[in-house]
Amino acid sequence: MNLPRIALASVLALSSTPVFAQSAGSWTVGVGAHSVSPKSSNGTLVGTALGNLPMDVGNNVRPTVTAEYFLRDNLGLEVLAALPFQHDIAVTGVGKVGSTKHLPPTVSLQYHFGQGKVRPFIGAGINYTRFFSTSTAGPIAGASLALSDSWGLAGHVGLDIKLSEKGALRIDYRKIDIDTKVKLNGANLGSANTVNIDPSVFGIAYVFSF
């Protein structure tokens, strides 16, 4: 048995193992898609002219982009951006009463574990959600419906699966606190008029390191 040759072969094999850099000063950019799924019960608008209205906000999927800068080894600051998400707004038992679009930029501080081919990470940050292009339908068609912008906390967990020296497949999940006030024709829609969207956000992306 030629031990020096075996040792050399082992070193070469290890050196060819894909490395997905997450060291201080490096960047990653991710391109993929995320599904925003509001929680099943979005709250009830109390004391409206139509009575108490239990709200239901629909799901939507859109392309997304992330950029993360590593402040130190394994510790990064990430920004999430997306094309506008669009959601139908319904009243349980009544049907669709409107729709809205929103942009949910999110900034997270996150820590990446380990050095292997599969690297989990966890993060937390702040979300700002801006609602726009809100329209009405059904029993309030023709009225002016407005949703207030929202600030809230956001949690983030996921896995990076190395595919090459510079690339990885990312699978992730976010939980975001999004609450919005509802106005109809400029007036609060009810005495308790907060819609709690609080979505689960599932995503998949290709992440490039440089």
Protein backbone atom coordinates (compact mmCIF):
# COMPACT_ATOMS: atom_id res chain seq x y z
CA MET A 1 0.00 0.00 0.00
CA ASN A 2 1.43 3.37 -1.02
CA LEU A 3 0.50 5.61 1.94
CA PRO A 4 1.95 8.85 0.47
CA ARG A 5 -0.18 8.45 -2.67
CA ILE A 6 -3.28 7.70 -0.60
CA ALA A 7 -2.61 10.76 1.58
CA LEU A 8 -2.12 12.97 -1.51
CA ALA A 9 -5.34 11.68 -3.07
CA SER A 10 -7.23 12.44 0.16
CA VAL A 11 -5.90 16.02 0.26
CA LEU A 12 -6.88 16.59 -3.38
CA ALA A 13 -10.37 15.20 -2.77
CA LEU A 14 -10.89 17.48 0.21
CA SER A 15 -9.60 20.52 -1.67
CA SER A 16 -12.12 19.89 -4.45
CA THR A 17 -15.09 19.86 -2.05
CA PRO A 18 -17.46 22.72 -2.95
CA VAL A 19 -17.00 25.77 -0.72
CA PHE A 20 -19.88 28.19 -0.28
CA ALA A 21 -18.18 31.21 1.24
CA GLN A 22 -19.87 32.90 4.21
CA SER A 23 -16.87 34.72 5.63
CA ALA A 24 -16.55 38.32 6.84
CA GLY A 25 -16.76 40.79 3.95
CA SER A 26 -18.40 38.39 1.48
CA TRP A 27 -21.80 38.75 -0.18
CA THR A 28 -24.54 36.41 -1.31
CA VAL A 29 -27.36 37.20 -3.73
CA GLY A 30 -30.39 34.92 -3.99
CA VAL A 31 -32.99 34.74 -6.76
CA GLY A 32 -36.12 32.65 -6.30
CA ALA A 33 -39.80 32.74 -5.38
CA HIS A 34 -41.79 32.95 -2.15
CA SER A 35 -45.35 32.14 -1.21
CA VAL A 36 -47.05 34.51 1.24
CA SER A 37 -49.75 32.61 3.14
CA PRO A 38 -51.70 34.75 5.64
CA LYS A 39 -52.81 32.98 8.80
CA SER A 40 -56.17 31.22 8.54
CA SER A 41 -58.02 33.72 10.75
CA ASN A 42 -57.27 37.37 10.00
CA GLY A 43 -59.46 38.91 12.68
CA THR A 44 -62.95 40.37 12.78
CA LEU A 45 -63.91 43.95 11.97
CA VAL A 46 -66.27 44.77 14.83
CA GLY A 47 -69.20 47.20 14.80
CA THR A 48 -69.37 47.92 11.07
CA ALA A 49 -72.50 49.01 9.23
CA LEU A 50 -72.75 45.42 7.96
CA GLY A 51 -72.24 43.89 11.41
CA ASN A 52 -69.17 42.01 12.58
CA LEU A 53 -67.08 40.95 9.57
CA PRO A 54 -64.65 38.01 9.90
CA MET A 55 -61.88 38.66 7.36
CA ASP A 56 -60.03 36.28 5.05
CA VAL A 57 -56.91 37.29 3.06
CA GLY A 58 -55.76 35.02 0.21
CA ASN A 59 -52.32 33.55 -0.66
CA ASN A 60 -49.93 34.69 -3.39
CA VAL A 61 -46.57 33.70 -4.94
CA ARG A 62 -44.03 36.14 -6.42
CA PRO A 63 -40.37 36.24 -7.55
CA THR A 64 -37.99 37.45 -4.83
CA VAL A 65 -34.40 38.66 -4.48
CA THR A 66 -32.18 38.64 -1.39
CA ALA A 67 -28.80 40.25 -0.73
CA GLU A 68 -26.74 39.40 2.35
CA TYR A 69 -23.50 40.99 3.56
CA PHE A 70 -21.42 39.08 6.11
CA LEU A 71 -20.40 41.36 8.99
CA ARG A 72 -18.25 38.56 10.37
CA ASP A 73 -17.80 34.86 9.66
CA ASN A 74 -21.24 33.18 9.52
CA LEU A 75 -23.09 36.35 10.64
CA GLY A 76 -24.85 38.26 7.89
CA LEU A 77 -27.24 41.17 7.37
CA GLU A 78 -29.86 40.29 4.74
CA VAL A 79 -32.39 42.34 2.77
CA LEU A 80 -35.41 40.67 1.13
CA ALA A 81 -37.17 42.34 -1.81
CA ALA A 82 -39.90 41.10 -4.14
CA LEU A 83 -42.26 41.97 -6.93
CA PRO A 84 -45.57 43.19 -5.48
CA PHE A 85 -47.71 40.48 -3.90
CA GLN A 86 -51.46 40.63 -4.63
CA HIS A 87 -54.13 39.32 -2.26
CA ASP A 88 -57.89 38.96 -2.47
CA ILE A 89 -59.75 40.24 0.60
CA ALA A 90 -62.91 38.39 1.55
CA VAL A 91 -65.49 38.39 4.32
CA THR A 92 -66.27 34.90 5.55
CA GLY A 93 -69.76 33.96 4.40
CA VAL A 94 -70.03 36.99 2.10
CA GLY A 95 -67.25 36.53 -0.43
CA LYS A 96 -64.69 38.80 -2.04
CA VAL A 97 -64.93 42.47 -1.07
CA GLY A 98 -61.67 43.71 -2.54
CA SER A 99 -58.03 43.14 -3.37
CA THR A 100 -54.72 44.80 -2.57
CA LYS A 101 -51.06 44.74 -3.50
CA HIS A 102 -48.17 45.02 -1.07
CA LEU A 103 -44.39 45.26 -0.95
CA PRO A 104 -42.78 43.62 2.10
CA PRO A 105 -39.07 44.61 2.32
CA THR A 106 -37.49 42.83 5.27
CA VAL A 107 -34.07 43.29 6.92
CA SER A 108 -32.73 40.40 9.02
CA LEU A 109 -29.61 39.65 11.03
CA GLN A 110 -28.91 35.94 10.66
CA TYR A 111 -26.42 33.32 11.76
CA HIS A 112 -25.29 30.40 9.57
CA PHE A 113 -24.23 27.18 11.30
CA GLY A 114 -21.51 24.66 10.43
CA GLN A 115 -19.20 24.21 7.46
CA GLY A 116 -20.73 21.19 5.71
CA LYS A 117 -22.62 20.77 2.48
CA VAL A 118 -25.92 21.48 4.26
CA ARG A 119 -25.85 24.61 6.41
CA PRO A 120 -28.84 25.68 8.49
CA PHE A 121 -29.35 29.31 9.49
CA ILE A 122 -31.62 31.33 11.74
CA GLY A 123 -32.40 35.03 11.78
CA ALA A 124 -34.62 37.81 13.06
CA GLY A 125 -35.37 41.29 11.83
CA ILE A 126 -37.82 44.02 10.89
CA ASN A 127 -40.47 44.06 8.15
CA TYR A 128 -42.09 47.09 6.56
CA THR A 129 -45.18 46.39 4.45
CA ARG A 130 -46.68 49.01 2.14
CA PHE A 131 -50.18 48.39 0.77
CA PHE A 132 -51.30 50.00 -2.50
CA SER A 133 -53.61 49.53 -5.53
CA THR A 134 -56.45 48.51 -3.22
CA SER A 135 -59.79 47.95 -4.97
CA THR A 136 -63.31 47.04 -3.85
CA ALA A 137 -65.86 44.44 -4.98
CA GLY A 138 -69.13 42.81 -3.91
CA PRO A 139 -71.20 44.66 -1.30
CA ILE A 140 -68.71 47.56 -1.10
CA ALA A 141 -67.96 47.88 -4.84
CA GLY A 142 -67.28 51.48 -5.81
CA ALA A 143 -66.25 52.54 -2.31
CA SER A 144 -62.73 53.63 -1.37
CA LEU A 145 -60.91 50.96 0.66
CA ALA A 146 -57.53 51.75 2.23
CA LEU A 147 -55.10 49.61 4.27
CA SER A 148 -52.49 51.26 6.50
CA ASP A 149 -48.80 50.39 6.18
CA SER A 150 -47.32 48.03 8.75
CA TRP A 151 -44.11 47.63 10.77
CA GLY A 152 -43.46 44.30 12.49
CA LEU A 153 -40.95 41.68 13.56
CA ALA A 154 -39.87 38.87 11.25
CA GLY A 155 -38.31 35.48 12.06
CA HIS A 156 -36.34 33.45 9.52
CA VAL A 157 -35.01 29.87 9.35
CA GLY A 158 -33.65 27.88 6.43
CA LEU A 159 -31.08 25.58 4.82
CA ASP A 160 -28.38 26.24 2.25
CA ILE A 161 -27.45 23.14 0.23
CA LYS A 162 -24.13 23.59 -1.60
CA LEU A 163 -24.25 22.90 -5.31
CA SER A 164 -20.86 24.32 -6.35
CA GLU A 165 -18.00 26.46 -5.13
CA LYS A 166 -20.11 29.60 -5.44
CA GLY A 167 -23.71 28.40 -5.51
CA ALA A 168 -26.29 26.87 -3.20
CA LEU A 169 -29.96 25.93 -3.17
CA ARG A 170 -31.81 27.72 -0.36
CA ILE A 171 -35.05 26.53 1.23
CA ASP A 172 -36.43 28.90 3.84
CA TYR A 173 -39.38 29.90 6.00
CA ARG A 174 -40.30 33.26 7.48
CA LYS A 175 -42.96 34.31 9.95
CA ILE A 176 -43.83 38.00 9.66
CA ASP A 177 -46.00 40.21 11.87
CA ILE A 178 -48.20 42.27 9.53
CA ASP A 179 -51.19 44.15 10.98
CA THR A 180 -53.12 46.77 9.03
CA LYS A 181 -55.90 49.23 9.82
CA VAL A 182 -58.84 49.32 7.40
CA LYS A 183 -60.62 52.46 6.22
CA LEU A 184 -63.69 52.66 4.01
CA ASN A 185 -64.32 56.03 2.36
CA GLY A 186 -61.79 57.58 4.74
CA ALA A 187 -63.41 56.33 7.97
CA ASN A 188 -62.37 53.42 10.19
CA LEU A 189 -64.32 50.32 9.17
CA GLY A 190 -65.69 49.39 12.58
CA SER A 191 -64.69 50.03 16.20
CA ALA A 192 -62.04 47.29 16.03
CA ASN A 193 -60.67 47.52 12.52
CA THR A 194 -57.32 45.73 12.49
CA VAL A 195 -56.68 42.93 10.01
CA ASN A 196 -53.98 40.55 11.27
CA ILE A 197 -52.31 39.09 8.19
CA ASP A 198 -49.25 37.61 10.00
CA PRO A 199 -48.21 35.41 7.06
CA SER A 200 -46.06 32.32 6.80
CA VAL A 201 -43.64 32.85 3.92
CA PHE A 202 -42.18 29.78 2.21
CA GLY A 203 -39.41 30.12 -0.35
CA ILE A 204 -36.85 28.46 -2.60
CA ALA A 205 -33.94 30.23 -4.30
CA TYR A 206 -30.56 29.86 -5.95
CA VAL A 207 -27.97 31.72 -3.86
CA PHE A 208 -24.69 32.93 -5.37
CA SER A 209 -21.65 33.81 -3.21
CA PHE A 210 -18.98 36.35 -4.12
